[in-house]
Structures are given as C-alpha cells and as structure tokens.
Amino acid sequence: METTLPSINVTDTLFNTTLTITTILENPYVMLRQNHQELEGNDRYEGFCVDMLKELADILKFKYQIRLVADGLYGVPGANGTWTGMVGELISR
C-alpha cells in the first residue's frame, strides 16, 4: 500500500507570518553583537543561525522575532514530568 503525503507549499504557509524564534546564546550560532545595548530587536544578534534565519525569511517572505529563553537552558526534565529551558517553553505553548 502506497501512502501519499499532502502537498504543502512552505512559501504559502509562512508568507506574511511572524515567527517567534526562541533560542539560547551559543557561539558561533547565536551571539549578542558587541554594541547590542545600543540596538533593538533582532539587530542585537549575530551568528551563523541568525544569518541563516535572515536568508530564509527573505526567501520565504516571513518575519521573525528572536527571543532568548528565559532561564538560559536548553532544557532538562524535572521529577514531575515538566521540562525547563527551551524544551519546556515549547511544551508549554
């Protein structure tokens, strides 16, 4: 039996949407610019992932807001089944 996946046009899906990009500071992927205190929004950040995100946003015509994870962690599971860090923020949404 052959399964057919639905055809999704990513360009249409992301067009004119604003994504919140939750991340952690990690050289060389996401870093604060040297003069980040003088800047606002996404301009405060630089790095490989930031450059890639800019290119994707230009190509696919979406906007984004970079947001640092509140506790500065990737995420670890707690004894009660909840997570910290980026994983926890994703799960709680």
PDB file of N, CA and C in Angstrom:
ATOM      1  N   MET A   1       0.839  -1.170   0.000  1.00  0.00           N
ATOM      2  CA  MET A   1       0.000   0.000   0.000  1.00  0.00           C
ATOM      3  C   MET A   1       0.891   1.242   0.000  1.00  0.00           C
ATOM      4  N   GLU A   2       0.651   2.110  -0.937  1.00  0.00           N
ATOM      5  CA  GLU A   2       1.452   3.324  -1.068  1.00  0.00           C
ATOM      6  C   GLU A   2       0.739   4.494  -0.390  1.00  0.00           C
ATOM      7  N   THR A   3       1.481   5.216   0.437  1.00  0.00           N
ATOM      8  CA  THR A   3       0.921   6.366   1.146  1.00  0.00           C
ATOM      9  C   THR A   3       1.298   7.641   0.412  1.00  0.00           C
ATOM     10  N   THR A   4       0.319   8.498   0.207  1.00  0.00           N
ATOM     11  CA  THR A   4       0.561   9.779  -0.440  1.00  0.00           C
ATOM     12  C   THR A   4       0.479  10.877   0.608  1.00  0.00           C
ATOM     13  N   LEU A   5       1.535  11.661   0.692  1.00  0.00           N
ATOM     14  CA  LEU A   5       1.558  12.776   1.627  1.00  0.00           C
ATOM     15  C   LEU A   5       0.954  14.005   0.972  1.00  0.00           C
ATOM     16  N   PRO A   6       0.254  14.814   1.757  1.00  0.00           N
ATOM     17  CA  PRO A   6      -0.319  16.031   1.169  1.00  0.00           C
ATOM     18  C   PRO A   6       0.782  16.982   0.717  1.00  0.00           C
ATOM     19  N   SER A   7       0.521  17.656  -0.371  1.00  0.00           N
ATOM     20  CA  SER A   7       1.478  18.623  -0.894  1.00  0.00           C
ATOM     21  C   SER A   7       1.290  19.951  -0.164  1.00  0.00           C
ATOM     22  N   ILE A   8       2.361  20.418   0.473  1.00  0.00           N
ATOM     23  CA  ILE A   8       2.306  21.678   1.215  1.00  0.00           C
ATOM     24  C   ILE A   8       3.338  22.623   0.625  1.00  0.00           C
ATOM     25  N   ASN A   9       2.907  23.804   0.281  1.00  0.00           N
ATOM     26  CA  ASN A   9       3.811  24.815  -0.225  1.00  0.00           C
ATOM     27  C   ASN A   9       4.262  25.672   0.958  1.00  0.00           C
ATOM     28  N   VAL A  10       5.496  25.478   1.396  1.00  0.00           N
ATOM     29  CA  VAL A  10       6.015  26.176   2.571  1.00  0.00           C
ATOM     30  C   VAL A  10       5.986  27.680   2.365  1.00  0.00           C
ATOM     31  N   THR A  11       6.241  28.123   1.158  1.00  0.00           N
ATOM     32  CA  THR A  11       6.226  29.556   0.872  1.00  0.00           C
ATOM     33  C   THR A  11       4.860  30.149   1.186  1.00  0.00           C
ATOM     34  N   ASP A  12       3.795  29.480   0.774  1.00  0.00           N
ATOM     35  CA  ASP A  12       2.444  29.964   1.051  1.00  0.00           C
ATOM     36  C   ASP A  12       2.120  29.883   2.538  1.00  0.00           C
ATOM     37  N   THR A  13       2.607  28.856   3.204  1.00  0.00           N
ATOM     38  CA  THR A  13       2.314  28.650   4.620  1.00  0.00           C
ATOM     39  C   THR A  13       2.936  29.732   5.491  1.00  0.00           C
ATOM     40  N   LEU A  14       4.153  30.147   5.187  1.00  0.00           N
ATOM     41  CA  LEU A  14       4.866  31.118   6.009  1.00  0.00           C
ATOM     42  C   LEU A  14       4.689  32.562   5.555  1.00  0.00           C
ATOM     43  N   PHE A  15       4.191  32.760   4.355  1.00  0.00           N
ATOM     44  CA  PHE A  15       4.087  34.104   3.790  1.00  0.00           C
ATOM     45  C   PHE A  15       3.367  35.054   4.737  1.00  0.00           C
ATOM     46  N   ASN A  16       4.014  36.166   5.033  1.00  0.00           N
ATOM     47  CA  ASN A  16       3.441  37.253   5.830  1.00  0.00           C
ATOM     48  C   ASN A  16       3.071  36.843   7.257  1.00  0.00           C
ATOM     49  N   THR A  17       3.745  35.835   7.805  1.00  0.00           N
ATOM     50  CA  THR A  17       3.545  35.477   9.204  1.00  0.00           C
ATOM     51  C   THR A  17       4.754  35.949  10.004  1.00  0.00           C
ATOM     52  N   THR A  18       4.583  36.065  11.297  1.00  0.00           N
ATOM     53  CA  THR A  18       5.691  36.423  12.178  1.00  0.00           C
ATOM     54  C   THR A  18       5.934  35.259  13.127  1.00  0.00           C
ATOM     55  N   LEU A  19       7.139  34.733  13.100  1.00  0.00           N
ATOM     56  CA  LEU A  19       7.521  33.615  13.958  1.00  0.00           C
ATOM     57  C   LEU A  19       8.304  34.132  15.155  1.00  0.00           C
ATOM     58  N   THR A  20       8.064  33.545  16.308  1.00  0.00           N
ATOM     59  CA  THR A  20       8.884  33.821  17.480  1.00  0.00           C
ATOM     60  C   THR A  20       9.938  32.727  17.545  1.00  0.00           C
ATOM     61  N   ILE A  21      11.192  33.120  17.459  1.00  0.00           N
ATOM     62  CA  ILE A  21      12.310  32.181  17.469  1.00  0.00           C
ATOM     63  C   ILE A  21      12.930  32.210  18.862  1.00  0.00           C
ATOM     64  N   THR A  22      12.679  31.166  19.636  1.00  0.00           N
ATOM     65  CA  THR A  22      13.254  31.064  20.973  1.00  0.00           C
ATOM     66  C   THR A  22      14.591  30.360  20.859  1.00  0.00           C
ATOM     67  N   THR A  23      15.615  30.949  21.445  1.00  0.00           N
ATOM     68  CA  THR A  23      16.956  30.388  21.310  1.00  0.00           C
ATOM     69  C   THR A  23      17.775  30.655  22.563  1.00  0.00           C
ATOM     70  N   ILE A  24      18.995  30.199  22.526  1.00  0.00           N
ATOM     71  CA  ILE A  24      19.946  30.370  23.610  1.00  0.00           C
ATOM     72  C   ILE A  24      21.225  30.934  23.001  1.00  0.00           C
ATOM     73  N   LEU A  25      21.965  31.705  23.750  1.00  0.00           N
ATOM     74  CA  LEU A  25      23.240  32.224  23.243  1.00  0.00           C
ATOM     75  C   LEU A  25      24.258  31.089  23.205  1.00  0.00           C
ATOM     76  N   GLU A  26      24.829  30.864  22.035  1.00  0.00           N
ATOM     77  CA  GLU A  26      25.809  29.786  21.847  1.00  0.00           C
ATOM     78  C   GLU A  26      26.698  30.155  20.665  1.00  0.00           C
ATOM     79  N   ASN A  27      27.944  30.517  20.947  1.00  0.00           N
ATOM     80  CA  ASN A  27      28.901  30.854  19.878  1.00  0.00           C
ATOM     81  C   ASN A  27      29.181  29.631  19.024  1.00  0.00           C
ATOM     82  N   PRO A  28      29.285  29.729  17.740  1.00  0.00           N
ATOM     83  CA  PRO A  28      29.141  30.888  16.857  1.00  0.00           C
ATOM     84  C   PRO A  28      27.740  30.998  16.260  1.00  0.00           C
ATOM     85  N   TYR A  29      26.782  30.303  16.839  1.00  0.00           N
ATOM     86  CA  TYR A  29      25.452  30.198  16.240  1.00  0.00           C
ATOM     87  C   TYR A  29      24.568  31.416  16.509  1.00  0.00           C
ATOM     88  N   VAL A  30      24.446  31.774  17.770  1.00  0.00           N
ATOM     89  CA  VAL A  30      23.672  32.959  18.155  1.00  0.00           C
ATOM     90  C   VAL A  30      24.481  33.699  19.214  1.00  0.00           C
ATOM     91  N   MET A  31      24.817  34.955  18.920  1.00  0.00           N
ATOM     92  CA  MET A  31      25.631  35.761  19.835  1.00  0.00           C
ATOM     93  C   MET A  31      25.045  37.162  19.905  1.00  0.00           C
ATOM     94  N   LEU A  32      25.323  37.840  21.010  1.00  0.00           N
ATOM     95  CA  LEU A  32      24.967  39.252  21.099  1.00  0.00           C
ATOM     96  C   LEU A  32      26.041  40.061  20.392  1.00  0.00           C
ATOM     97  N   ARG A  33      25.619  41.041  19.601  1.00  0.00           N
ATOM     98  CA  ARG A  33      26.587  41.938  18.967  1.00  0.00           C
ATOM     99  C   ARG A  33      27.318  42.723  20.049  1.00  0.00           C
ATOM    100  N   GLN A  34      28.510  43.175  19.716  1.00  0.00           N
ATOM    101  CA  GLN A  34      29.318  43.916  20.678  1.00  0.00           C
ATOM    102  C   GLN A  34      28.580  45.149  21.208  1.00  0.00           C
ATOM    103  N   ASN A  35      27.829  45.807  20.337  1.00  0.00           N
ATOM    104  CA  ASN A  35      27.092  47.018  20.718  1.00  0.00           C
ATOM    105  C   ASN A  35      25.600  46.742  20.923  1.00  0.00           C
ATOM    106  N   HIS A  36      25.257  45.553  21.390  1.00  0.00           N
ATOM    107  CA  HIS A  36      23.855  45.143  21.491  1.00  0.00           C
ATOM    108  C   HIS A  36      23.015  46.053  22.384  1.00  0.00           C
ATOM    109  N   GLN A  37      23.634  46.734  23.352  1.00  0.00           N
ATOM    110  CA  GLN A  37      22.874  47.633  24.226  1.00  0.00           C
ATOM    111  C   GLN A  37      22.313  48.825  23.448  1.00  0.00           C
ATOM    112  N   GLU A  38      22.961  49.176  22.363  1.00  0.00           N
ATOM    113  CA  GLU A  38      22.531  50.322  21.557  1.00  0.00           C
ATOM    114  C   GLU A  38      21.502  49.926  20.495  1.00  0.00           C
ATOM    115  N   LEU A  39      21.260  48.633  20.345  1.00  0.00           N
ATOM    116  CA  LEU A  39      20.389  48.126  19.284  1.00  0.00           C
ATOM    117  C   LEU A  39      19.080  47.610  19.860  1.00  0.00           C
ATOM    118  N   GLU A  40      18.122  47.375  18.970  1.00  0.00           N
ATOM    119  CA  GLU A  40      16.824  46.849  19.380  1.00  0.00           C
ATOM    120  C   GLU A  40      16.458  45.640  18.541  1.00  0.00           C
ATOM    121  N   GLY A  41      15.592  44.802  19.088  1.00  0.00           N
ATOM    122  CA  GLY A  41      15.041  43.675  18.348  1.00  0.00           C
ATOM    123  C   GLY A  41      16.091  42.719  17.829  1.00  0.00           C
ATOM    124  N   ASN A  42      15.851  42.212  16.626  1.00  0.00           N
ATOM    125  CA  ASN A  42      16.739  41.219  16.018  1.00  0.00           C
ATOM    126  C   ASN A  42      18.125  41.762  15.712  1.00  0.00           C
ATOM    127  N   ASP A  43      18.254  43.067  15.606  1.00  0.00           N
ATOM    128  CA  ASP A  43      19.552  43.674  15.299  1.00  0.00           C
ATOM    129  C   ASP A  43      20.582  43.437  16.402  1.00  0.00           C
ATOM    130  N   ARG A  44      20.136  43.042  17.582  1.00  0.00           N
ATOM    131  CA  ARG A  44      21.055  42.795  18.701  1.00  0.00           C
ATOM    132  C   ARG A  44      21.862  41.510  18.535  1.00  0.00           C
ATOM    133  N   TYR A  45      21.451  40.654  17.588  1.00  0.00           N
ATOM    134  CA  TYR A  45      22.035  39.318  17.470  1.00  0.00           C
ATOM    135  C   TYR A  45      22.817  39.138  16.175  1.00  0.00           C
ATOM    136  N   GLU A  46      23.802  38.246  16.243  1.00  0.00           N
ATOM    137  CA  GLU A  46      24.568  37.845  15.061  1.00  0.00           C
ATOM    138  C   GLU A  46      24.971  36.392  15.239  1.00  0.00           C
ATOM    139  N   GLY A  47      25.464  35.799  14.153  1.00  0.00           N
ATOM    140  CA  GLY A  47      25.930  34.424  14.205  1.00  0.00           C
ATOM    141  C   GLY A  47      25.402  33.608  13.041  1.00  0.00           C
ATOM    142  N   PHE A  48      25.889  32.386  12.943  1.00  0.00           N
ATOM    143  CA  PHE A  48      25.546  31.503  11.832  1.00  0.00           C
ATOM    144  C   PHE A  48      24.035  31.290  11.720  1.00  0.00           C
ATOM    145  N   CYS A  49      23.383  30.943  12.825  1.00  0.00           N
ATOM    146  CA  CYS A  49      21.939  30.688  12.777  1.00  0.00           C
ATOM    147  C   CYS A  49      21.149  31.958  12.486  1.00  0.00           C
ATOM    148  N   VAL A  50      21.626  33.081  12.975  1.00  0.00           N
ATOM    149  CA  VAL A  50      20.961  34.362  12.709  1.00  0.00           C
ATOM    150  C   VAL A  50      21.060  34.692  11.218  1.00  0.00           C
ATOM    151  N   ASP A  51      22.236  34.486  10.631  1.00  0.00           N
ATOM    152  CA  ASP A  51      22.413  34.726   9.189  1.00  0.00           C
ATOM    153  C   ASP A  51      21.509  33.814   8.368  1.00  0.00           C
ATOM    154  N   MET A  52      21.438  32.543   8.760  1.00  0.00           N
ATOM    155  CA  MET A  52      20.603  31.584   8.045  1.00  0.00           C
ATOM    156  C   MET A  52      19.125  31.963   8.171  1.00  0.00           C
ATOM    157  N   LEU A  53      18.716  32.383   9.342  1.00  0.00           N
ATOM    158  CA  LEU A  53      17.337  32.807   9.569  1.00  0.00           C
ATOM    159  C   LEU A  53      16.979  34.014   8.705  1.00  0.00           C
ATOM    160  N   LYS A  54      17.892  34.976   8.602  1.00  0.00           N
ATOM    161  CA  LYS A  54      17.665  36.151   7.748  1.00  0.00           C
ATOM    162  C   LYS A  54      17.447  35.734   6.300  1.00  0.00           C
ATOM    163  N   GLU A  55      18.286  34.834   5.804  1.00  0.00           N
ATOM    164  CA  GLU A  55      18.167  34.371   4.414  1.00  0.00           C
ATOM    165  C   GLU A  55      16.847  33.652   4.182  1.00  0.00           C
ATOM    166  N   LEU A  56      16.481  32.758   5.097  1.00  0.00           N
ATOM    167  CA  LEU A  56      15.213  32.033   4.957  1.00  0.00           C
ATOM    168  C   LEU A  56      14.026  32.989   4.979  1.00  0.00           C
ATOM    169  N   ALA A  57      14.073  33.978   5.862  1.00  0.00           N
ATOM    170  CA  ALA A  57      12.982  34.954   5.947  1.00  0.00           C
ATOM    171  C   ALA A  57      12.866  35.755   4.657  1.00  0.00           C
ATOM    172  N   ASP A  58      13.998  36.109   4.065  1.00  0.00           N
ATOM    173  CA  ASP A  58      13.976  36.840   2.793  1.00  0.00           C
ATOM    174  C   ASP A  58      13.401  35.983   1.672  1.00  0.00           C
ATOM    175  N   ILE A  59      13.811  34.736   1.613  1.00  0.00           N
ATOM    176  CA  ILE A  59      13.361  33.839   0.544  1.00  0.00           C
ATOM    177  C   ILE A  59      11.886  33.483   0.699  1.00  0.00           C
ATOM    178  N   LEU A  60      11.477  33.132   1.921  1.00  0.00           N
ATOM    179  CA  LEU A  60      10.120  32.639   2.160  1.00  0.00           C
ATOM    180  C   LEU A  60       9.134  33.733   2.574  1.00  0.00           C
ATOM    181  N   LYS A  61       9.616  34.969   2.671  1.00  0.00           N
ATOM    182  CA  LYS A  61       8.766  36.138   2.938  1.00  0.00           C
ATOM    183  C   LYS A  61       8.014  36.044   4.271  1.00  0.00           C
ATOM    184  N   PHE A  62       8.744  35.705   5.337  1.00  0.00           N
ATOM    185  CA  PHE A  62       8.151  35.756   6.668  1.00  0.00           C
ATOM    186  C   PHE A  62       8.973  36.688   7.547  1.00  0.00           C
ATOM    187  N   LYS A  63       8.382  37.083   8.655  1.00  0.00           N
ATOM    188  CA  LYS A  63       9.068  37.926   9.636  1.00  0.00           C
ATOM    189  C   LYS A  63       9.357  37.064  10.858  1.00  0.00           C
ATOM    190  N   TYR A  64      10.258  37.537  11.701  1.00  0.00           N
ATOM    191  CA  TYR A  64      10.586  36.772  12.901  1.00  0.00           C
ATOM    192  C   TYR A  64      11.041  37.703  14.007  1.00  0.00           C
ATOM    193  N   GLN A  65      10.905  37.208  15.210  1.00  0.00           N
ATOM    194  CA  GLN A  65      11.367  37.915  16.393  1.00  0.00           C
ATOM    195  C   GLN A  65      12.224  36.932  17.185  1.00  0.00           C
ATOM    196  N   ILE A  66      13.496  37.259  17.365  1.00  0.00           N
ATOM    197  CA  ILE A  66      14.389  36.407  18.146  1.00  0.00           C
ATOM    198  C   ILE A  66      14.174  36.719  19.619  1.00  0.00           C
ATOM    199  N   ARG A  67      14.012  35.662  20.405  1.00  0.00           N
ATOM    200  CA  ARG A  67      13.770  35.801  21.835  1.00  0.00           C
ATOM    201  C   ARG A  67      14.645  34.804  22.573  1.00  0.00           C
ATOM    202  N   LEU A  68      15.417  35.280  23.524  1.00  0.00           N
ATOM    203  CA  LEU A  68      16.255  34.382  24.317  1.00  0.00           C
ATOM    204  C   LEU A  68      15.397  33.662  25.348  1.00  0.00           C
ATOM    205  N   VAL A  69      15.682  32.372  25.533  1.00  0.00           N
ATOM    206  CA  VAL A  69      14.948  31.582  26.516  1.00  0.00           C
ATOM    207  C   VAL A  69      15.176  32.185  27.907  1.00  0.00           C
ATOM    208  N   ALA A  70      14.122  32.270  28.692  1.00  0.00           N
ATOM    209  CA  ALA A  70      14.154  32.991  29.969  1.00  0.00           C
ATOM    210  C   ALA A  70      15.198  32.457  30.947  1.00  0.00           C
ATOM    211  N   ASP A  71      15.329  31.132  31.050  1.00  0.00           N
ATOM    212  CA  ASP A  71      16.258  30.580  32.046  1.00  0.00           C
ATOM    213  C   ASP A  71      17.641  30.258  31.480  1.00  0.00           C
ATOM    214  N   GLY A  72      17.848  30.509  30.190  1.00  0.00           N
ATOM    215  CA  GLY A  72      19.157  30.302  29.585  1.00  0.00           C
ATOM    216  C   GLY A  72      19.568  28.851  29.418  1.00  0.00           C
ATOM    217  N   LEU A  73      18.608  27.932  29.461  1.00  0.00           N
ATOM    218  CA  LEU A  73      18.913  26.499  29.380  1.00  0.00           C
ATOM    219  C   LEU A  73      18.306  25.873  28.130  1.00  0.00           C
ATOM    220  N   TYR A  74      18.936  24.781  27.672  1.00  0.00           N
ATOM    221  CA  TYR A  74      18.339  24.003  26.581  1.00  0.00           C
ATOM    222  C   TYR A  74      17.099  23.288  27.094  1.00  0.00           C
ATOM    223  N   GLY A  75      17.207  22.714  28.279  1.00  0.00           N
ATOM    224  CA  GLY A  75      16.073  22.041  28.906  1.00  0.00           C
ATOM    225  C   GLY A  75      16.444  20.691  29.476  1.00  0.00           C
ATOM    226  N   VAL A  76      15.976  20.451  30.678  1.00  0.00           N
ATOM    227  CA  VAL A  76      16.151  19.151  31.332  1.00  0.00           C
ATOM    228  C   VAL A  76      14.812  18.765  31.951  1.00  0.00           C
ATOM    229  N   PRO A  77      14.523  17.453  31.974  1.00  0.00           N
ATOM    230  CA  PRO A  77      13.252  17.027  32.561  1.00  0.00           C
ATOM    231  C   PRO A  77      13.305  17.098  34.084  1.00  0.00           C
ATOM    232  N   GLY A  78      12.195  17.512  34.670  1.00  0.00           N
ATOM    233  CA  GLY A  78      12.075  17.540  36.120  1.00  0.00           C
ATOM    234  C   GLY A  78      11.424  16.265  36.623  1.00  0.00           C
ATOM    235  N   ALA A  79      11.460  16.057  37.908  1.00  0.00           N
ATOM    236  CA  ALA A  79      10.896  14.847  38.514  1.00  0.00           C
ATOM    237  C   ALA A  79       9.391  14.742  38.283  1.00  0.00           C
ATOM    238  N   ASN A  80       8.718  15.870  38.155  1.00  0.00           N
ATOM    239  CA  ASN A  80       7.258  15.861  37.980  1.00  0.00           C
ATOM    240  C   ASN A  80       6.824  15.789  36.516  1.00  0.00           C
ATOM    241  N   GLY A  81       7.778  15.583  35.602  1.00  0.00           N
ATOM    242  CA  GLY A  81       7.447  15.451  34.186  1.00  0.00           C
ATOM    243  C   GLY A  81       7.506  16.742  33.389  1.00  0.00           C
ATOM    244  N   THR A  82       7.725  17.865  34.050  1.00  0.00           N
ATOM    245  CA  THR A  82       7.856  19.126  33.326  1.00  0.00           C
ATOM    246  C   THR A  82       9.307  19.317  32.903  1.00  0.00           C
ATOM    247  N   TRP A  83       9.499  20.207  31.967  1.00  0.00           N
ATOM    248  CA  TRP A  83      10.834  20.498  31.452  1.00  0.00           C
ATOM    249  C   TRP A  83      11.193  21.949  31.723  1.00  0.00           C
ATOM    250  N   THR A  84      12.489  22.212  31.783  1.00  0.00           N
ATOM    251  CA  THR A  84      12.992  23.577  31.884  1.00  0.00           C
ATOM    252  C   THR A  84      13.438  24.020  30.494  1.00  0.00           C
ATOM    253  N   GLY A  85      13.953  25.226  30.392  1.00  0.00           N
ATOM    254  CA  GLY A  85      14.613  25.698  29.179  1.00  0.00           C
ATOM    255  C   GLY A  85      13.733  25.820  27.960  1.00  0.00           C
ATOM    256  N   MET A  86      14.393  25.748  26.796  1.00  0.00           N
ATOM    257  CA  MET A  86      13.681  25.882  25.521  1.00  0.00           C
ATOM    258  C   MET A  86      12.663  24.773  25.338  1.00  0.00           C
ATOM    259  N   VAL A  87      13.032  23.558  25.732  1.00  0.00           N
ATOM    260  CA  VAL A  87      12.099  22.437  25.592  1.00  0.00           C
ATOM    261  C   VAL A  87      10.840  22.712  26.407  1.00  0.00           C
ATOM    262  N   GLY A  88      11.016  23.176  27.638  1.00  0.00           N
ATOM    263  CA  GLY A  88       9.872  23.489  28.490  1.00  0.00           C
ATOM    264  C   GLY A  88       8.991  24.579  27.911  1.00  0.00           C
ATOM    265  N   GLU A  89       9.616  25.597  27.324  1.00  0.00           N
ATOM    266  CA  GLU A  89       8.829  26.677  26.726  1.00  0.00           C
ATOM    267  C   GLU A  89       8.040  26.187  25.519  1.00  0.00           C
ATOM    268  N   LEU A  90       8.638  25.303  24.733  1.00  0.00           N
ATOM    269  CA  LEU A  90       7.922  24.753  23.577  1.00  0.00           C
ATOM    270  C   LEU A  90       6.754  23.879  24.014  1.00  0.00           C
ATOM    271  N   ILE A  91       6.988  23.047  25.021  1.00  0.00           N
ATOM    272  CA  ILE A  91       5.932  22.151  25.500  1.00  0.00           C
ATOM    273  C   ILE A  91       4.775  22.941  26.099  1.00  0.00           C
ATOM    274  N   SER A  92       5.079  24.013  26.809  1.00  0.00           N
ATOM    275  CA  SER A  92       4.029  24.769  27.497  1.00  0.00           C
ATOM    276  C   SER A  92       3.172  25.610  26.559  1.00  0.00           C
ATOM    277  N   ARG A  93       3.569  25.747  25.309  1.00  0.00           N
ATOM    278  CA  ARG A  93       2.793  26.561  24.359  1.00  0.00           C
ATOM    279  C   ARG A  93       1.689  25.763  23.805  1.00  0.00           C
TER     280      ARG A  93
END
